[in-house]
Amino acid sequence: MIEKEIRIMDPDGLHTRPAKQFVDAAKKFICSVTLIKDDKEGTGKNLIKLMKLGISCGTLITLRCEGPDEKEACETLGTILLNMKG
C-alpha cells in the first residue's frame, strides 16, 4: 500500500470535469484507488463517490493505492491531482 498526501490547488476544487479525468485514469490500473478527506473515503474509480467527498481548493487529501501496480498508479494519479485545472 502506498499513500501520498496532496493539497488540491485548483480554485474550483475537485469538480466534475477533473474528477472524471481522474476516474478515467484510475480505472486503467488494477490496484484499488482511494481518496481520503478528513474521516471520509471514496473510491477513485467512482465519480459519484469522489464528488460526495466535497474536495475544495486548499483541501489536504490522501491518495491511497493498493495492489500490483500501486507505485505507478500513485505517481500517475498524484500528478493528475497536482496539475488539475478546471
PDB file of N, CA and C in Angstrom:
ATOM      1  N   MET A   1       0.849  -1.173   0.000  1.00  0.00           N
ATOM      2  CA  MET A   1       0.000   0.000   0.000  1.00  0.00           C
ATOM      3  C   MET A   1       0.897   1.240   0.000  1.00  0.00           C
ATOM      4  N   ILE A   2       0.536   2.197  -0.829  1.00  0.00           N
ATOM      5  CA  ILE A   2       1.248   3.474  -0.902  1.00  0.00           C
ATOM      6  C   ILE A   2       0.242   4.585  -0.651  1.00  0.00           C
ATOM      7  N   GLU A   3       0.636   5.537   0.185  1.00  0.00           N
ATOM      8  CA  GLU A   3      -0.206   6.705   0.433  1.00  0.00           C
ATOM      9  C   GLU A   3       0.596   7.962   0.140  1.00  0.00           C
ATOM     10  N   LYS A   4      -0.095   8.953  -0.405  1.00  0.00           N
ATOM     11  CA  LYS A   4       0.536  10.224  -0.732  1.00  0.00           C
ATOM     12  C   LYS A   4      -0.429  11.339  -0.353  1.00  0.00           C
ATOM     13  N   GLU A   5       0.054  12.317   0.418  1.00  0.00           N
ATOM     14  CA  GLU A   5      -0.778  13.468   0.765  1.00  0.00           C
ATOM     15  C   GLU A   5      -0.624  14.539  -0.302  1.00  0.00           C
ATOM     16  N   ILE A   6      -1.745  15.100  -0.713  1.00  0.00           N
ATOM     17  CA  ILE A   6      -1.772  16.091  -1.790  1.00  0.00           C
ATOM     18  C   ILE A   6      -2.716  17.212  -1.395  1.00  0.00           C
ATOM     19  N   ARG A   7      -2.261  18.446  -1.589  1.00  0.00           N
ATOM     20  CA  ARG A   7      -3.137  19.595  -1.362  1.00  0.00           C
ATOM     21  C   ARG A   7      -3.717  20.019  -2.714  1.00  0.00           C
ATOM     22  N   ILE A   8      -5.032  20.076  -2.788  1.00  0.00           N
ATOM     23  CA  ILE A   8      -5.723  20.455  -4.022  1.00  0.00           C
ATOM     24  C   ILE A   8      -5.633  21.969  -4.187  1.00  0.00           C
ATOM     25  N   MET A   9      -5.053  22.411  -5.298  1.00  0.00           N
ATOM     26  CA  MET A   9      -4.831  23.839  -5.503  1.00  0.00           C
ATOM     27  C   MET A   9      -5.700  24.445  -6.605  1.00  0.00           C
ATOM     28  N   ASP A  10      -6.450  23.626  -7.319  1.00  0.00           N
ATOM     29  CA  ASP A  10      -7.358  24.162  -8.335  1.00  0.00           C
ATOM     30  C   ASP A  10      -8.376  25.057  -7.631  1.00  0.00           C
ATOM     31  N   PRO A  11      -8.557  26.301  -8.092  1.00  0.00           N
ATOM     32  CA  PRO A  11      -9.507  27.210  -7.437  1.00  0.00           C
ATOM     33  C   PRO A  11     -10.920  26.644  -7.327  1.00  0.00           C
ATOM     34  N   ASP A  12     -11.286  25.760  -8.237  1.00  0.00           N
ATOM     35  CA  ASP A  12     -12.626  25.164  -8.221  1.00  0.00           C
ATOM     36  C   ASP A  12     -12.669  23.842  -7.462  1.00  0.00           C
ATOM     37  N   GLY A  13     -11.546  23.401  -6.919  1.00  0.00           N
ATOM     38  CA  GLY A  13     -11.507  22.127  -6.211  1.00  0.00           C
ATOM     39  C   GLY A  13     -11.644  20.955  -7.176  1.00  0.00           C
ATOM     40  N   LEU A  14     -12.014  19.824  -6.637  1.00  0.00           N
ATOM     41  CA  LEU A  14     -12.190  18.620  -7.459  1.00  0.00           C
ATOM     42  C   LEU A  14     -13.641  18.572  -7.925  1.00  0.00           C
ATOM     43  N   HIS A  15     -13.922  19.311  -8.996  1.00  0.00           N
ATOM     44  CA  HIS A  15     -15.280  19.339  -9.535  1.00  0.00           C
ATOM     45  C   HIS A  15     -15.403  18.314 -10.659  1.00  0.00           C
ATOM     46  N   THR A  16     -16.528  18.296 -11.315  1.00  0.00           N
ATOM     47  CA  THR A  16     -16.883  17.203 -12.227  1.00  0.00           C
ATOM     48  C   THR A  16     -15.852  16.912 -13.312  1.00  0.00           C
ATOM     49  N   ARG A  17     -15.400  17.912 -14.035  1.00  0.00           N
ATOM     50  CA  ARG A  17     -14.503  17.648 -15.170  1.00  0.00           C
ATOM     51  C   ARG A  17     -13.181  17.006 -14.728  1.00  0.00           C
ATOM     52  N   PRO A  18     -12.438  17.602 -13.782  1.00  0.00           N
ATOM     53  CA  PRO A  18     -11.197  16.934 -13.375  1.00  0.00           C
ATOM     54  C   PRO A  18     -11.436  15.623 -12.624  1.00  0.00           C
ATOM     55  N   ALA A  19     -12.543  15.529 -11.919  1.00  0.00           N
ATOM     56  CA  ALA A  19     -12.859  14.271 -11.229  1.00  0.00           C
ATOM     57  C   ALA A  19     -13.077  13.158 -12.248  1.00  0.00           C
ATOM     58  N   LYS A  20     -13.740  13.457 -13.351  1.00  0.00           N
ATOM     59  CA  LYS A  20     -13.964  12.466 -14.417  1.00  0.00           C
ATOM     60  C   LYS A  20     -12.629  12.041 -15.028  1.00  0.00           C
ATOM     61  N   GLN A  21     -11.738  13.007 -15.253  1.00  0.00           N
ATOM     62  CA  GLN A  21     -10.414  12.677 -15.789  1.00  0.00           C
ATOM     63  C   GLN A  21      -9.654  11.763 -14.825  1.00  0.00           C
ATOM     64  N   PHE A  22      -9.761  12.055 -13.534  1.00  0.00           N
ATOM     65  CA  PHE A  22      -9.096  11.237 -12.519  1.00  0.00           C
ATOM     66  C   PHE A  22      -9.661   9.817 -12.522  1.00  0.00           C
ATOM     67  N   VAL A  23     -10.983   9.692 -12.523  1.00  0.00           N
ATOM     68  CA  VAL A  23     -11.642   8.379 -12.508  1.00  0.00           C
ATOM     69  C   VAL A  23     -11.253   7.570 -13.744  1.00  0.00           C
ATOM     70  N   ASP A  24     -11.272   8.210 -14.914  1.00  0.00           N
ATOM     71  CA  ASP A  24     -10.894   7.506 -16.146  1.00  0.00           C
ATOM     72  C   ASP A  24      -9.464   6.970 -16.049  1.00  0.00           C
ATOM     73  N   ALA A  25      -8.559   7.770 -15.492  1.00  0.00           N
ATOM     74  CA  ALA A  25      -7.169   7.332 -15.334  1.00  0.00           C
ATOM     75  C   ALA A  25      -7.071   6.214 -14.293  1.00  0.00           C
ATOM     76  N   ALA A  26      -7.805   6.338 -13.187  1.00  0.00           N
ATOM     77  CA  ALA A  26      -7.757   5.337 -12.113  1.00  0.00           C
ATOM     78  C   ALA A  26      -8.243   3.975 -12.596  1.00  0.00           C
ATOM     79  N   LYS A  27      -9.227   3.974 -13.477  1.00  0.00           N
ATOM     80  CA  LYS A  27      -9.786   2.712 -13.981  1.00  0.00           C
ATOM     81  C   LYS A  27      -8.793   1.921 -14.829  1.00  0.00           C
ATOM     82  N   LYS A  28      -7.713   2.555 -15.267  1.00  0.00           N
ATOM     83  CA  LYS A  28      -6.706   1.870 -16.077  1.00  0.00           C
ATOM     84  C   LYS A  28      -5.769   1.011 -15.221  1.00  0.00           C
ATOM     85  N   PHE A  29      -5.849   1.189 -13.908  1.00  0.00           N
ATOM     86  CA  PHE A  29      -4.973   0.447 -13.005  1.00  0.00           C
ATOM     87  C   PHE A  29      -5.722  -0.706 -12.348  1.00  0.00           C
ATOM     88  N   ILE A  30      -4.988  -1.766 -12.032  1.00  0.00           N
ATOM     89  CA  ILE A  30      -5.567  -2.935 -11.374  1.00  0.00           C
ATOM     90  C   ILE A  30      -5.787  -2.657  -9.888  1.00  0.00           C
ATOM     91  N   CYS A  31      -4.877  -1.919  -9.284  1.00  0.00           N
ATOM     92  CA  CYS A  31      -4.921  -1.687  -7.837  1.00  0.00           C
ATOM     93  C   CYS A  31      -6.164  -0.899  -7.427  1.00  0.00           C
ATOM     94  N   SER A  32      -6.473  -0.989  -6.142  1.00  0.00           N
ATOM     95  CA  SER A  32      -7.561  -0.163  -5.617  1.00  0.00           C
ATOM     96  C   SER A  32      -7.025   1.253  -5.431  1.00  0.00           C
ATOM     97  N   VAL A  33      -7.888   2.227  -5.658  1.00  0.00           N
ATOM     98  CA  VAL A  33      -7.529   3.640  -5.537  1.00  0.00           C
ATOM     99  C   VAL A  33      -8.564   4.294  -4.632  1.00  0.00           C
ATOM    100  N   THR A  34      -8.089   4.952  -3.587  1.00  0.00           N
ATOM    101  CA  THR A  34      -8.983   5.589  -2.630  1.00  0.00           C
ATOM    102  C   THR A  34      -8.512   7.006  -2.357  1.00  0.00           C
ATOM    103  N   LEU A  35      -9.444   7.947  -2.307  1.00  0.00           N
ATOM    104  CA  LEU A  35      -9.141   9.304  -1.857  1.00  0.00           C
ATOM    105  C   LEU A  35      -9.749   9.468  -0.472  1.00  0.00           C
ATOM    106  N   ILE A  36      -8.992  10.075   0.421  1.00  0.00           N
ATOM    107  CA  ILE A  36      -9.434  10.257   1.802  1.00  0.00           C
ATOM    108  C   ILE A  36      -9.397  11.740   2.137  1.00  0.00           C
ATOM    109  N   LYS A  37     -10.523  12.244   2.621  1.00  0.00           N
ATOM    110  CA  LYS A  37     -10.624  13.634   3.086  1.00  0.00           C
ATOM    111  C   LYS A  37     -11.177  13.587   4.503  1.00  0.00           C
ATOM    112  N   ASP A  38     -10.378  14.066   5.443  1.00  0.00           N
ATOM    113  CA  ASP A  38     -10.761  14.009   6.855  1.00  0.00           C
ATOM    114  C   ASP A  38     -11.080  12.561   7.228  1.00  0.00           C
ATOM    115  N   ASP A  39     -12.308  12.277   7.617  1.00  0.00           N
ATOM    116  CA  ASP A  39     -12.669  10.906   8.002  1.00  0.00           C
ATOM    117  C   ASP A  39     -13.521  10.212   6.944  1.00  0.00           C
ATOM    118  N   LYS A  40     -13.591  10.809   5.734  1.00  0.00           N
ATOM    119  CA  LYS A  40     -14.398  10.226   4.659  1.00  0.00           C
ATOM    120  C   LYS A  40     -13.491   9.651   3.579  1.00  0.00           C
ATOM    121  N   GLU A  41     -13.923   8.516   3.018  1.00  0.00           N
ATOM    122  CA  GLU A  41     -13.187   7.870   1.935  1.00  0.00           C
ATOM    123  C   GLU A  41     -14.095   7.686   0.732  1.00  0.00           C
ATOM    124  N   GLY A  42     -13.499   7.764  -0.456  1.00  0.00           N
ATOM    125  CA  GLY A  42     -14.241   7.492  -1.684  1.00  0.00           C
ATOM    126  C   GLY A  42     -13.348   6.753  -2.654  1.00  0.00           C
ATOM    127  N   THR A  43     -13.890   5.755  -3.320  1.00  0.00           N
ATOM    128  CA  THR A  43     -13.099   5.028  -4.305  1.00  0.00           C
ATOM    129  C   THR A  43     -12.779   5.942  -5.481  1.00  0.00           C
ATOM    130  N   GLY A  44     -11.543   5.867  -5.932  1.00  0.00           N
ATOM    131  CA  GLY A  44     -11.098   6.705  -7.035  1.00  0.00           C
ATOM    132  C   GLY A  44     -11.600   6.242  -8.383  1.00  0.00           C
ATOM    133  N   LYS A  45     -12.366   5.164  -8.394  1.00  0.00           N
ATOM    134  CA  LYS A  45     -12.878   4.633  -9.654  1.00  0.00           C
ATOM    135  C   LYS A  45     -14.377   4.868  -9.791  1.00  0.00           C
ATOM    136  N   ASN A  46     -14.935   5.745  -8.937  1.00  0.00           N
ATOM    137  CA  ASN A  46     -16.370   6.032  -8.963  1.00  0.00           C
ATOM    138  C   ASN A  46     -16.576   7.540  -8.842  1.00  0.00           C
ATOM    139  N   LEU A  47     -17.060   8.159  -9.905  1.00  0.00           N
ATOM    140  CA  LEU A  47     -17.218   9.615  -9.959  1.00  0.00           C
ATOM    141  C   LEU A  47     -18.133  10.136  -8.853  1.00  0.00           C
ATOM    142  N   ILE A  48     -19.255   9.486  -8.640  1.00  0.00           N
ATOM    143  CA  ILE A  48     -20.221   9.945  -7.632  1.00  0.00           C
ATOM    144  C   ILE A  48     -19.593   9.935  -6.237  1.00  0.00           C
ATOM    145  N   LYS A  49     -18.879   8.864  -5.916  1.00  0.00           N
ATOM    146  CA  LYS A  49     -18.272   8.773  -4.580  1.00  0.00           C
ATOM    147  C   LYS A  49     -17.190   9.826  -4.385  1.00  0.00           C
ATOM    148  N   LEU A  50     -16.464  10.155  -5.447  1.00  0.00           N
ATOM    149  CA  LEU A  50     -15.468  11.222  -5.339  1.00  0.00           C
ATOM    150  C   LEU A  50     -16.134  12.574  -5.130  1.00  0.00           C
ATOM    151  N   MET A  51     -17.197  12.826  -5.880  1.00  0.00           N
ATOM    152  CA  MET A  51     -17.889  14.111  -5.770  1.00  0.00           C
ATOM    153  C   MET A  51     -18.492  14.298  -4.373  1.00  0.00           C
ATOM    154  N   LYS A  52     -18.934  13.212  -3.752  1.00  0.00           N
ATOM    155  CA  LYS A  52     -19.526  13.288  -2.411  1.00  0.00           C
ATOM    156  C   LYS A  52     -18.516  13.708  -1.345  1.00  0.00           C
ATOM    157  N   LEU A  53     -17.223  13.583  -1.645  1.00  0.00           N
ATOM    158  CA  LEU A  53     -16.209  13.993  -0.676  1.00  0.00           C
ATOM    159  C   LEU A  53     -16.160  15.514  -0.514  1.00  0.00           C
ATOM    160  N   GLY A  54     -16.614  16.257  -1.522  1.00  0.00           N
ATOM    161  CA  GLY A  54     -16.631  17.716  -1.436  1.00  0.00           C
ATOM    162  C   GLY A  54     -15.237  18.310  -1.277  1.00  0.00           C
ATOM    163  N   ILE A  55     -14.344  17.957  -2.178  1.00  0.00           N
ATOM    164  CA  ILE A  55     -12.956  18.403  -2.086  1.00  0.00           C
ATOM    165  C   ILE A  55     -12.821  19.784  -2.726  1.00  0.00           C
ATOM    166  N   SER A  56     -12.523  20.782  -1.903  1.00  0.00           N
ATOM    167  CA  SER A  56     -12.411  22.161  -2.382  1.00  0.00           C
ATOM    168  C   SER A  56     -10.944  22.595  -2.429  1.00  0.00           C
ATOM    169  N   CYS A  57     -10.708  23.775  -2.981  1.00  0.00           N
ATOM    170  CA  CYS A  57      -9.359  24.327  -3.084  1.00  0.00           C
ATOM    171  C   CYS A  57      -8.742  24.443  -1.692  1.00  0.00           C
ATOM    172  N   GLY A  58      -7.502  24.015  -1.573  1.00  0.00           N
ATOM    173  CA  GLY A  58      -6.793  24.087  -0.306  1.00  0.00           C
ATOM    174  C   GLY A  58      -6.938  22.857   0.567  1.00  0.00           C
ATOM    175  N   THR A  59      -7.807  21.932   0.168  1.00  0.00           N
ATOM    176  CA  THR A  59      -8.038  20.719   0.957  1.00  0.00           C
ATOM    177  C   THR A  59      -6.843  19.770   0.847  1.00  0.00           C
ATOM    178  N   LEU A  60      -6.410  19.244   1.979  1.00  0.00           N
ATOM    179  CA  LEU A  60      -5.361  18.234   2.005  1.00  0.00           C
ATOM    180  C   LEU A  60      -6.033  16.864   1.988  1.00  0.00           C
ATOM    181  N   ILE A  61      -5.728  16.079   0.961  1.00  0.00           N
ATOM    182  CA  ILE A  61      -6.314  14.748   0.837  1.00  0.00           C
ATOM    183  C   ILE A  61      -5.199  13.705   0.842  1.00  0.00           C
ATOM    184  N   THR A  62      -5.588  12.465   1.057  1.00  0.00           N
ATOM    185  CA  THR A  62      -4.653  11.346   0.967  1.00  0.00           C
ATOM    186  C   THR A  62      -5.077  10.465  -0.197  1.00  0.00           C
ATOM    187  N   LEU A  63      -4.136  10.189  -1.077  1.00  0.00           N
ATOM    188  CA  LEU A  63      -4.333   9.254  -2.180  1.00  0.00           C
ATOM    189  C   LEU A  63      -3.736   7.926  -1.730  1.00  0.00           C
ATOM    190  N   ARG A  64      -4.559   6.881  -1.708  1.00  0.00           N
ATOM    191  CA  ARG A  64      -4.097   5.548  -1.302  1.00  0.00           C
ATOM    192  C   ARG A  64      -4.258   4.586  -2.476  1.00  0.00           C
ATOM    193  N   CYS A  65      -3.176   3.909  -2.826  1.00  0.00           N
ATOM    194  CA  CYS A  65      -3.206   2.902  -3.888  1.00  0.00           C
ATOM    195  C   CYS A  65      -2.696   1.590  -3.294  1.00  0.00           C
ATOM    196  N   GLU A  66      -3.421   0.506  -3.590  1.00  0.00           N
ATOM    197  CA  GLU A  66      -3.042  -0.788  -3.031  1.00  0.00           C
ATOM    198  C   GLU A  66      -3.272  -1.882  -4.067  1.00  0.00           C
ATOM    199  N   GLY A  67      -2.183  -2.543  -4.446  1.00  0.00           N
ATOM    200  CA  GLY A  67      -2.280  -3.626  -5.415  1.00  0.00           C
ATOM    201  C   GLY A  67      -1.013  -3.735  -6.239  1.00  0.00           C
ATOM    202  N   PRO A  68      -1.034  -4.594  -7.255  1.00  0.00           N
ATOM    203  CA  PRO A  68       0.178  -4.900  -8.005  1.00  0.00           C
ATOM    204  C   PRO A  68       0.813  -3.717  -8.733  1.00  0.00           C
ATOM    205  N   ASP A  69       0.034  -2.745  -9.154  1.00  0.00           N
ATOM    206  CA  ASP A  69       0.586  -1.594  -9.880  1.00  0.00           C
ATOM    207  C   ASP A  69       0.448  -0.302  -9.068  1.00  0.00           C
ATOM    208  N   GLU A  70       0.496  -0.434  -7.742  1.00  0.00           N
ATOM    209  CA  GLU A  70       0.246   0.699  -6.848  1.00  0.00           C
ATOM    210  C   GLU A  70       1.252   1.837  -7.018  1.00  0.00           C
ATOM    211  N   LYS A  71       2.514   1.516  -7.268  1.00  0.00           N
ATOM    212  CA  LYS A  71       3.528   2.573  -7.397  1.00  0.00           C
ATOM    213  C   LYS A  71       3.246   3.450  -8.608  1.00  0.00           C
ATOM    214  N   GLU A  72       3.033   2.825  -9.750  1.00  0.00           N
ATOM    215  CA  GLU A  72       2.744   3.579 -10.975  1.00  0.00           C
ATOM    216  C   GLU A  72       1.440   4.362 -10.834  1.00  0.00           C
ATOM    217  N   ALA A  73       0.432   3.735 -10.232  1.00  0.00           N
ATOM    218  CA  ALA A  73      -0.862   4.395 -10.049  1.00  0.00           C
ATOM    219  C   ALA A  73      -0.727   5.626  -9.166  1.00  0.00           C
ATOM    220  N   CYS A  74      -0.020   5.496  -8.061  1.00  0.00           N
ATOM    221  CA  CYS A  74       0.122   6.609  -7.123  1.00  0.00           C
ATOM    222  C   CYS A  74       0.875   7.772  -7.775  1.00  0.00           C
ATOM    223  N   GLU A  75       1.908   7.464  -8.544  1.00  0.00           N
ATOM    224  CA  GLU A  75       2.665   8.515  -9.232  1.00  0.00           C
ATOM    225  C   GLU A  75       1.807   9.207 -10.285  1.00  0.00           C
ATOM    226  N   THR A  76       1.141   8.422 -11.121  1.00  0.00           N
ATOM    227  CA  THR A  76       0.329   8.977 -12.204  1.00  0.00           C
ATOM    228  C   THR A  76      -0.850   9.775 -11.672  1.00  0.00           C
ATOM    229  N   LEU A  77      -1.595   9.189 -10.744  1.00  0.00           N
ATOM    230  CA  LEU A  77      -2.798   9.843 -10.227  1.00  0.00           C
ATOM    231  C   LEU A  77      -2.446  11.036  -9.343  1.00  0.00           C
ATOM    232  N   GLY A  78      -1.341  10.941  -8.621  1.00  0.00           N
ATOM    233  CA  GLY A  78      -0.884  12.080  -7.825  1.00  0.00           C
ATOM    234  C   GLY A  78      -0.546  13.266  -8.707  1.00  0.00           C
ATOM    235  N   THR A  79       0.097  13.004  -9.836  1.00  0.00           N
ATOM    236  CA  THR A  79       0.426  14.066 -10.786  1.00  0.00           C
ATOM    237  C   THR A  79      -0.837  14.698 -11.353  1.00  0.00           C
ATOM    238  N   ILE A  80      -1.833  13.893 -11.658  1.00  0.00           N
ATOM    239  CA  ILE A  80      -3.107  14.425 -12.164  1.00  0.00           C
ATOM    240  C   ILE A  80      -3.720  15.374 -11.140  1.00  0.00           C
ATOM    241  N   LEU A  81      -3.741  14.968  -9.879  1.00  0.00           N
ATOM    242  CA  LEU A  81      -4.337  15.809  -8.835  1.00  0.00           C
ATOM    243  C   LEU A  81      -3.555  17.106  -8.640  1.00  0.00           C
ATOM    244  N   LEU A  82      -2.237  17.026  -8.707  1.00  0.00           N
ATOM    245  CA  LEU A  82      -1.411  18.220  -8.514  1.00  0.00           C
ATOM    246  C   LEU A  82      -1.535  19.212  -9.663  1.00  0.00           C
ATOM    247  N   ASN A  83      -1.767  18.709 -10.859  1.00  0.00           N
ATOM    248  CA  ASN A  83      -1.777  19.564 -12.047  1.00  0.00           C
ATOM    249  C   ASN A  83      -3.157  19.884 -12.586  1.00  0.00           C
ATOM    250  N   MET A  84      -4.219  19.475 -11.878  1.00  0.00           N
ATOM    251  CA  MET A  84      -5.550  19.684 -12.446  1.00  0.00           C
ATOM    252  C   MET A  84      -5.912  21.159 -12.487  1.00  0.00           C
ATOM    253  N   LYS A  85      -6.555  21.483 -13.582  1.00  0.00           N
ATOM    254  CA  LYS A  85      -7.051  22.836 -13.797  1.00  0.00           C
ATOM    255  C   LYS A  85      -8.437  22.706 -14.400  1.00  0.00           C
ATOM    256  N   GLY A  86      -9.395  23.401 -13.778  1.00  0.00           N
ATOM    257  CA  GLY A  86     -10.787  23.315 -14.178  1.00  0.00           C
ATOM    258  C   GLY A  86     -11.039  23.578 -15.597  1.00  0.00           C
TER     259      GLY A  86
END
